């Protein structure tokens, strides 16, 4: 059993930026030389998340609309008083989604559904340089 850790640097535009990172994850797996196992994708930071969905324009907009309904940007949040950075909504959205996703792989390929992609969700209210950690465990 082997453990490999890779780091991806991804520039975002700020909320609501939803970025398909499936290609980068697949390339990381291919470069590892591992055939079977699982990988975890983890974003560093408390205002971004990792998720999976069919990455097409209609659904991308639906996801943006969903988060705006669940955690509106313009509402007052107590966190905003702590640091004065007006990103309380960003922390709540990221907390709902979560920072990581685990995906099995077999024969050197991710076991994703036909239309399933891995997505970095940027919820912060400004552009960020995100570090995404990919940990592969396998043989």
N, C-alpha and C. Protein backbone atom coordinates (compact mmCIF):
# COMPACT_ATOMS: atom_id res chain seq x y z
N UNK A 1 0.86 -1.18 0.00
CA UNK A 1 0.00 0.00 0.00
C UNK A 1 0.90 1.23 0.00
N UNK A 2 0.54 2.17 -0.83
CA UNK A 2 1.33 3.38 -0.99
C UNK A 2 0.46 4.60 -0.69
N UNK A 3 1.05 5.66 -0.13
CA UNK A 3 0.35 6.92 0.12
C UNK A 3 1.11 8.02 -0.63
N UNK A 4 0.38 8.77 -1.43
CA UNK A 4 0.96 9.87 -2.20
C UNK A 4 0.14 11.12 -1.93
N UNK A 5 0.83 12.23 -1.72
CA UNK A 5 0.13 13.50 -1.52
C UNK A 5 0.57 14.48 -2.61
N UNK A 6 -0.42 15.06 -3.27
CA UNK A 6 -0.17 16.07 -4.30
C UNK A 6 -0.90 17.35 -3.90
N UNK A 7 -0.37 18.49 -4.33
CA UNK A 7 -0.99 19.78 -4.02
C UNK A 7 -1.26 20.53 -5.32
N UNK A 8 -2.48 21.02 -5.43
CA UNK A 8 -2.89 21.81 -6.59
C UNK A 8 -3.12 23.25 -6.15
N UNK A 9 -2.66 24.21 -6.93
CA UNK A 9 -2.93 25.62 -6.68
C UNK A 9 -3.96 26.08 -7.69
N UNK A 10 -5.08 26.61 -7.19
CA UNK A 10 -6.18 27.00 -8.06
C UNK A 10 -6.61 28.43 -7.73
N UNK A 11 -6.63 29.28 -8.72
CA UNK A 11 -7.09 30.66 -8.56
C UNK A 11 -8.60 30.70 -8.72
N UNK A 12 -9.26 31.43 -7.82
CA UNK A 12 -10.72 31.57 -7.91
C UNK A 12 -11.09 33.04 -8.08
N UNK A 13 -12.34 33.24 -8.46
CA UNK A 13 -12.84 34.60 -8.68
C UNK A 13 -13.63 35.14 -7.49
N UNK A 14 -13.85 34.33 -6.47
CA UNK A 14 -14.70 34.72 -5.35
C UNK A 14 -16.10 34.22 -5.57
N UNK A 15 -16.92 34.33 -4.52
CA UNK A 15 -18.28 33.80 -4.53
C UNK A 15 -19.12 34.37 -5.66
N UNK A 16 -19.86 33.55 -6.32
CA UNK A 16 -19.92 32.08 -6.25
C UNK A 16 -19.16 31.46 -7.42
N UNK A 17 -17.96 31.02 -7.19
CA UNK A 17 -17.14 30.43 -8.24
C UNK A 17 -17.16 28.91 -8.05
N UNK A 18 -17.65 28.20 -9.04
CA UNK A 18 -17.70 26.74 -9.02
C UNK A 18 -16.81 26.25 -10.15
N UNK A 19 -15.72 25.56 -9.79
CA UNK A 19 -14.67 25.20 -10.74
C UNK A 19 -14.57 23.69 -10.86
N UNK A 20 -14.71 23.20 -12.07
CA UNK A 20 -14.56 21.77 -12.34
C UNK A 20 -13.08 21.42 -12.29
N UNK A 21 -12.68 20.61 -11.30
CA UNK A 21 -11.28 20.22 -11.15
C UNK A 21 -11.06 18.73 -11.43
N UNK A 22 -12.02 18.11 -12.09
CA UNK A 22 -11.92 16.68 -12.39
C UNK A 22 -10.68 16.36 -13.21
N UNK A 23 -10.37 17.18 -14.20
CA UNK A 23 -9.20 16.95 -15.04
C UNK A 23 -7.91 16.95 -14.25
N UNK A 24 -7.77 17.92 -13.34
CA UNK A 24 -6.56 17.99 -12.51
C UNK A 24 -6.45 16.78 -11.58
N UNK A 25 -7.59 16.34 -11.05
CA UNK A 25 -7.60 15.18 -10.15
C UNK A 25 -7.24 13.92 -10.94
N UNK A 26 -7.83 13.76 -12.11
CA UNK A 26 -7.53 12.60 -12.96
C UNK A 26 -6.05 12.56 -13.35
N UNK A 27 -5.49 13.73 -13.69
CA UNK A 27 -4.08 13.81 -14.04
C UNK A 27 -3.19 13.45 -12.85
N UNK A 28 -3.59 13.87 -11.67
CA UNK A 28 -2.84 13.53 -10.46
C UNK A 28 -2.84 12.02 -10.24
N UNK A 29 -3.99 11.39 -10.43
CA UNK A 29 -4.08 9.94 -10.30
C UNK A 29 -3.20 9.26 -11.35
N UNK A 30 -3.30 9.70 -12.59
CA UNK A 30 -2.50 9.10 -13.67
C UNK A 30 -1.00 9.21 -13.38
N UNK A 31 -0.58 10.37 -12.91
CA UNK A 31 0.84 10.60 -12.60
C UNK A 31 1.34 9.75 -11.43
N UNK A 32 0.43 9.35 -10.56
CA UNK A 32 0.82 8.58 -9.38
C UNK A 32 1.28 7.17 -9.71
N UNK A 33 0.77 6.62 -10.81
CA UNK A 33 1.08 5.24 -11.16
C UNK A 33 0.28 4.22 -10.37
N UNK A 34 -0.59 4.67 -9.48
CA UNK A 34 -1.41 3.73 -8.71
C UNK A 34 -2.56 3.21 -9.56
N UNK A 35 -2.94 1.98 -9.32
CA UNK A 35 -4.01 1.35 -10.10
C UNK A 35 -5.33 1.24 -9.34
N UNK A 36 -5.28 0.87 -8.07
CA UNK A 36 -6.48 0.61 -7.28
C UNK A 36 -6.35 1.23 -5.90
N UNK A 37 -7.43 1.85 -5.44
CA UNK A 37 -7.41 2.46 -4.11
C UNK A 37 -8.46 3.54 -4.01
N UNK A 38 -8.14 4.55 -3.21
CA UNK A 38 -9.06 5.69 -3.08
C UNK A 38 -8.24 6.96 -2.93
N UNK A 39 -8.88 8.05 -3.29
CA UNK A 39 -8.22 9.34 -3.11
C UNK A 39 -9.17 10.29 -2.42
N UNK A 40 -8.59 11.18 -1.66
CA UNK A 40 -9.35 12.22 -0.98
C UNK A 40 -8.91 13.55 -1.54
N UNK A 41 -9.90 14.39 -1.85
CA UNK A 41 -9.66 15.75 -2.33
C UNK A 41 -10.09 16.67 -1.19
N UNK A 42 -9.18 17.54 -0.75
CA UNK A 42 -9.42 18.41 0.41
C UNK A 42 -8.98 19.83 0.08
N UNK A 43 -9.86 20.80 0.32
CA UNK A 43 -9.48 22.20 0.10
C UNK A 43 -9.10 22.82 1.44
N UNK A 44 -7.97 23.51 1.45
CA UNK A 44 -7.50 24.19 2.64
C UNK A 44 -8.23 25.52 2.76
N UNK A 45 -8.84 25.78 3.90
CA UNK A 45 -9.54 27.04 4.12
C UNK A 45 -10.97 26.81 4.56
N UNK A 46 -11.52 27.78 5.28
CA UNK A 46 -12.86 27.61 5.85
C UNK A 46 -13.95 28.33 5.07
N UNK A 47 -13.62 28.85 3.87
CA UNK A 47 -14.65 29.51 3.06
C UNK A 47 -14.74 28.91 1.65
N UNK A 48 -14.24 27.69 1.50
CA UNK A 48 -14.34 26.96 0.24
C UNK A 48 -14.74 25.53 0.55
N UNK A 49 -15.17 24.80 -0.47
CA UNK A 49 -15.64 23.43 -0.28
C UNK A 49 -15.32 22.59 -1.51
N UNK A 50 -15.44 21.28 -1.34
CA UNK A 50 -15.32 20.34 -2.44
C UNK A 50 -16.63 19.57 -2.53
N UNK A 51 -17.12 19.42 -3.75
CA UNK A 51 -18.37 18.69 -3.95
C UNK A 51 -18.31 17.94 -5.27
N UNK A 52 -19.40 17.32 -5.61
CA UNK A 52 -19.51 16.57 -6.87
C UNK A 52 -20.90 16.75 -7.43
N UNK A 53 -20.97 17.12 -8.70
CA UNK A 53 -22.26 17.18 -9.40
C UNK A 53 -22.00 17.23 -10.90
N UNK A 54 -23.08 17.15 -11.68
CA UNK A 54 -22.96 17.25 -13.13
C UNK A 54 -22.66 18.70 -13.49
N UNK A 55 -21.47 18.94 -13.99
CA UNK A 55 -21.01 20.30 -14.23
C UNK A 55 -21.48 20.76 -15.61
N UNK A 56 -22.68 21.31 -15.64
CA UNK A 56 -23.23 21.90 -16.87
C UNK A 56 -23.85 23.23 -16.47
N UNK A 57 -23.92 24.19 -17.39
CA UNK A 57 -24.30 25.57 -17.04
C UNK A 57 -25.60 25.69 -16.24
N UNK A 58 -26.62 24.93 -16.60
CA UNK A 58 -27.89 25.02 -15.88
C UNK A 58 -27.76 24.60 -14.43
N UNK A 59 -27.08 23.49 -14.19
CA UNK A 59 -26.93 23.01 -12.82
C UNK A 59 -25.96 23.88 -12.03
N UNK A 60 -24.93 24.40 -12.69
CA UNK A 60 -24.02 25.33 -12.01
C UNK A 60 -24.83 26.51 -11.47
N UNK A 61 -25.72 27.07 -12.29
CA UNK A 61 -26.56 28.19 -11.84
C UNK A 61 -27.52 27.74 -10.75
N UNK A 62 -28.08 26.54 -10.87
CA UNK A 62 -28.99 26.03 -9.84
C UNK A 62 -28.28 25.90 -8.50
N UNK A 63 -27.03 25.45 -8.50
CA UNK A 63 -26.26 25.32 -7.25
C UNK A 63 -26.02 26.72 -6.66
N UNK A 64 -25.66 27.67 -7.49
CA UNK A 64 -25.47 29.05 -7.01
C UNK A 64 -26.77 29.58 -6.39
N UNK A 65 -27.89 29.36 -7.08
CA UNK A 65 -29.19 29.82 -6.58
C UNK A 65 -29.55 29.14 -5.27
N UNK A 66 -29.25 27.85 -5.16
CA UNK A 66 -29.55 27.10 -3.94
C UNK A 66 -28.83 27.71 -2.74
N UNK A 67 -27.53 27.97 -2.89
CA UNK A 67 -26.78 28.53 -1.77
C UNK A 67 -27.25 29.94 -1.44
N UNK A 68 -27.66 30.72 -2.43
CA UNK A 68 -28.18 32.06 -2.15
C UNK A 68 -29.49 31.98 -1.37
N UNK A 69 -30.32 30.98 -1.64
CA UNK A 69 -31.58 30.80 -0.90
C UNK A 69 -31.31 30.29 0.51
N UNK A 70 -30.38 29.34 0.63
CA UNK A 70 -30.10 28.75 1.95
C UNK A 70 -29.36 29.72 2.87
N UNK A 71 -28.36 30.40 2.32
CA UNK A 71 -27.50 31.30 3.11
C UNK A 71 -27.31 32.59 2.29
N UNK A 72 -28.27 33.52 2.39
CA UNK A 72 -28.20 34.74 1.58
C UNK A 72 -26.97 35.59 1.89
N UNK A 73 -26.37 36.11 0.86
CA UNK A 73 -25.19 36.95 0.97
C UNK A 73 -25.48 38.24 1.75
N UNK A 74 -26.63 38.85 1.53
CA UNK A 74 -26.93 40.18 2.08
C UNK A 74 -27.47 40.17 3.51
N UNK A 75 -27.66 39.00 4.11
CA UNK A 75 -28.15 38.91 5.48
C UNK A 75 -27.02 39.27 6.45
N UNK A 76 -27.37 39.76 7.63
CA UNK A 76 -26.37 40.05 8.66
C UNK A 76 -25.98 38.74 9.36
N UNK A 77 -24.68 38.53 9.53
CA UNK A 77 -24.16 37.36 10.25
C UNK A 77 -23.26 37.83 11.38
N UNK A 78 -23.39 37.20 12.53
CA UNK A 78 -22.61 37.59 13.71
C UNK A 78 -21.11 37.52 13.44
N UNK A 79 -20.69 36.57 12.63
CA UNK A 79 -19.26 36.45 12.31
C UNK A 79 -18.71 37.74 11.70
N UNK A 80 -19.52 38.43 10.95
CA UNK A 80 -19.07 39.66 10.29
C UNK A 80 -18.59 40.70 11.31
N UNK A 81 -19.14 40.68 12.51
CA UNK A 81 -18.73 41.62 13.55
C UNK A 81 -17.37 41.26 14.14
N UNK A 82 -17.00 39.98 14.06
CA UNK A 82 -15.74 39.53 14.64
C UNK A 82 -14.54 40.10 13.90
N UNK A 83 -14.55 39.96 12.58
CA UNK A 83 -13.38 40.37 11.78
C UNK A 83 -13.68 41.53 10.84
N UNK A 84 -14.93 41.87 10.65
CA UNK A 84 -15.27 42.97 9.77
C UNK A 84 -15.05 42.68 8.30
N UNK A 85 -14.99 41.40 7.94
CA UNK A 85 -14.71 41.06 6.54
C UNK A 85 -15.95 40.67 5.74
N UNK A 86 -17.12 40.74 6.36
CA UNK A 86 -18.40 40.52 5.68
C UNK A 86 -18.47 39.19 4.93
N UNK A 87 -17.84 38.15 5.47
CA UNK A 87 -17.91 36.85 4.80
C UNK A 87 -18.51 35.75 5.67
N UNK A 88 -19.36 36.14 6.61
CA UNK A 88 -20.04 35.14 7.43
C UNK A 88 -20.79 34.14 6.59
N UNK A 89 -21.44 34.62 5.53
CA UNK A 89 -22.17 33.72 4.63
C UNK A 89 -21.24 32.69 4.00
N UNK A 90 -19.99 33.09 3.71
CA UNK A 90 -19.03 32.20 3.08
C UNK A 90 -18.69 31.02 3.97
N UNK A 91 -18.49 31.28 5.24
CA UNK A 91 -18.18 30.22 6.21
C UNK A 91 -19.36 29.26 6.35
N UNK A 92 -20.56 29.80 6.39
CA UNK A 92 -21.74 28.94 6.53
C UNK A 92 -21.95 28.06 5.30
N UNK A 93 -21.80 28.64 4.11
CA UNK A 93 -21.95 27.86 2.88
C UNK A 93 -20.91 26.76 2.80
N UNK A 94 -19.65 27.08 3.11
CA UNK A 94 -18.59 26.07 3.08
C UNK A 94 -18.84 24.99 4.13
N UNK A 95 -19.32 25.40 5.30
CA UNK A 95 -19.61 24.43 6.35
C UNK A 95 -20.71 23.46 5.97
N UNK A 96 -21.69 23.95 5.24
CA UNK A 96 -22.78 23.06 4.78
C UNK A 96 -22.27 22.04 3.77
N UNK A 97 -21.39 22.45 2.89
CA UNK A 97 -20.90 21.58 1.83
C UNK A 97 -19.79 20.66 2.30
N UNK A 98 -18.84 21.18 3.04
CA UNK A 98 -17.72 20.38 3.54
C UNK A 98 -16.46 20.53 2.70
N UNK A 99 -15.29 20.30 3.33
CA UNK A 99 -14.01 20.56 2.67
C UNK A 99 -13.43 19.41 1.86
N UNK A 100 -14.09 18.23 1.87
CA UNK A 100 -13.43 17.09 1.21
C UNK A 100 -14.41 16.12 0.57
N UNK A 101 -13.84 15.27 -0.27
CA UNK A 101 -14.59 14.24 -0.98
C UNK A 101 -13.64 13.07 -1.19
N UNK A 102 -14.12 11.86 -0.97
CA UNK A 102 -13.31 10.66 -1.20
C UNK A 102 -13.88 9.91 -2.40
N UNK A 103 -12.98 9.50 -3.30
CA UNK A 103 -13.38 8.84 -4.55
C UNK A 103 -12.54 7.58 -4.71
N UNK A 104 -13.19 6.43 -4.93
CA UNK A 104 -12.42 5.22 -5.22
C UNK A 104 -11.90 5.25 -6.65
N UNK A 105 -10.83 4.49 -6.90
CA UNK A 105 -10.33 4.34 -8.26
C UNK A 105 -9.94 2.88 -8.50
N UNK A 106 -10.05 2.49 -9.77
CA UNK A 106 -9.77 1.12 -10.18
C UNK A 106 -9.16 1.17 -11.57
N UNK A 107 -8.16 0.35 -11.81
CA UNK A 107 -7.46 0.32 -13.10
C UNK A 107 -6.97 1.72 -13.49
N UNK A 108 -6.57 2.50 -12.49
CA UNK A 108 -6.02 3.83 -12.73
C UNK A 108 -7.04 4.88 -13.12
N UNK A 109 -8.34 4.59 -12.95
CA UNK A 109 -9.41 5.53 -13.34
C UNK A 109 -10.33 5.80 -12.16
N UNK A 110 -10.74 7.07 -12.04
CA UNK A 110 -11.70 7.44 -11.01
C UNK A 110 -13.02 6.72 -11.26
N UNK A 111 -13.64 6.24 -10.21
CA UNK A 111 -14.94 5.56 -10.35
C UNK A 111 -16.07 6.56 -10.15
N UNK A 112 -16.12 7.54 -11.03
CA UNK A 112 -17.17 8.55 -11.04
C UNK A 112 -18.26 8.13 -12.02
N UNK A 113 -19.47 8.63 -11.79
CA UNK A 113 -20.55 8.40 -12.73
C UNK A 113 -20.29 9.11 -14.04
N UNK A 114 -21.04 8.77 -15.06
CA UNK A 114 -20.85 9.31 -16.40
C UNK A 114 -20.81 10.84 -16.41
N UNK A 115 -21.70 11.48 -15.67
CA UNK A 115 -21.80 12.94 -15.69
C UNK A 115 -21.29 13.59 -14.41
N UNK A 116 -20.66 12.81 -13.57
CA UNK A 116 -20.21 13.29 -12.26
C UNK A 116 -18.82 13.92 -12.34
N UNK A 117 -18.71 15.15 -11.87
CA UNK A 117 -17.43 15.83 -11.83
C UNK A 117 -17.11 16.28 -10.40
N UNK A 118 -15.83 16.53 -10.15
CA UNK A 118 -15.37 17.05 -8.87
C UNK A 118 -15.28 18.57 -9.00
N UNK A 119 -15.87 19.27 -8.03
CA UNK A 119 -16.00 20.72 -8.14
C UNK A 119 -15.46 21.41 -6.88
N UNK A 120 -14.61 22.41 -7.10
CA UNK A 120 -14.17 23.30 -6.04
C UNK A 120 -15.19 24.44 -5.97
N UNK A 121 -15.78 24.63 -4.80
CA UNK A 121 -16.76 25.70 -4.60
C UNK A 121 -16.12 26.81 -3.79
N UNK A 122 -15.91 27.95 -4.42
CA UNK A 122 -15.36 29.12 -3.72
C UNK A 122 -16.51 29.95 -3.21
N UNK A 123 -16.58 30.13 -1.90
CA UNK A 123 -17.66 30.92 -1.30
C UNK A 123 -17.19 32.23 -0.71
N UNK A 124 -15.88 32.47 -0.65
CA UNK A 124 -15.41 33.72 -0.06
C UNK A 124 -15.82 34.90 -0.93
N UNK A 125 -15.89 36.07 -0.32
CA UNK A 125 -16.38 37.25 -1.03
C UNK A 125 -15.29 37.98 -1.81
N UNK A 126 -14.18 37.29 -2.06
CA UNK A 126 -13.09 37.89 -2.85
C UNK A 126 -12.33 36.77 -3.55
N UNK A 127 -11.59 37.09 -4.60
CA UNK A 127 -10.76 36.09 -5.26
C UNK A 127 -9.74 35.51 -4.28
N UNK A 128 -9.43 34.23 -4.47
CA UNK A 128 -8.47 33.57 -3.58
C UNK A 128 -7.55 32.67 -4.39
N UNK A 129 -6.41 32.38 -3.82
CA UNK A 129 -5.51 31.36 -4.35
C UNK A 129 -5.69 30.15 -3.43
N UNK A 130 -6.33 29.10 -3.92
CA UNK A 130 -6.66 27.94 -3.09
C UNK A 130 -5.65 26.83 -3.27
N UNK A 131 -5.36 26.17 -2.16
CA UNK A 131 -4.53 24.97 -2.19
C UNK A 131 -5.48 23.78 -2.00
N UNK A 132 -5.44 22.87 -2.96
CA UNK A 132 -6.24 21.65 -2.88
C UNK A 132 -5.27 20.49 -2.71
N UNK A 133 -5.50 19.71 -1.67
CA UNK A 133 -4.65 18.56 -1.37
C UNK A 133 -5.34 17.31 -1.91
N UNK A 134 -4.58 16.51 -2.63
CA UNK A 134 -5.08 15.22 -3.13
C UNK A 134 -4.22 14.14 -2.49
N UNK A 135 -4.86 13.32 -1.65
CA UNK A 135 -4.14 12.22 -1.01
C UNK A 135 -4.63 10.91 -1.62
N UNK A 136 -3.69 10.16 -2.20
CA UNK A 136 -4.01 8.88 -2.83
C UNK A 136 -3.49 7.75 -1.95
N UNK A 137 -4.31 6.75 -1.75
CA UNK A 137 -3.92 5.57 -1.00
C UNK A 137 -4.27 4.38 -1.87
N UNK A 138 -3.26 3.57 -2.20
CA UNK A 138 -3.55 2.43 -3.07
C UNK A 138 -2.32 1.66 -3.45
N UNK A 139 -2.51 0.87 -4.49
CA UNK A 139 -1.42 0.03 -4.99
C UNK A 139 -1.43 -0.01 -6.50
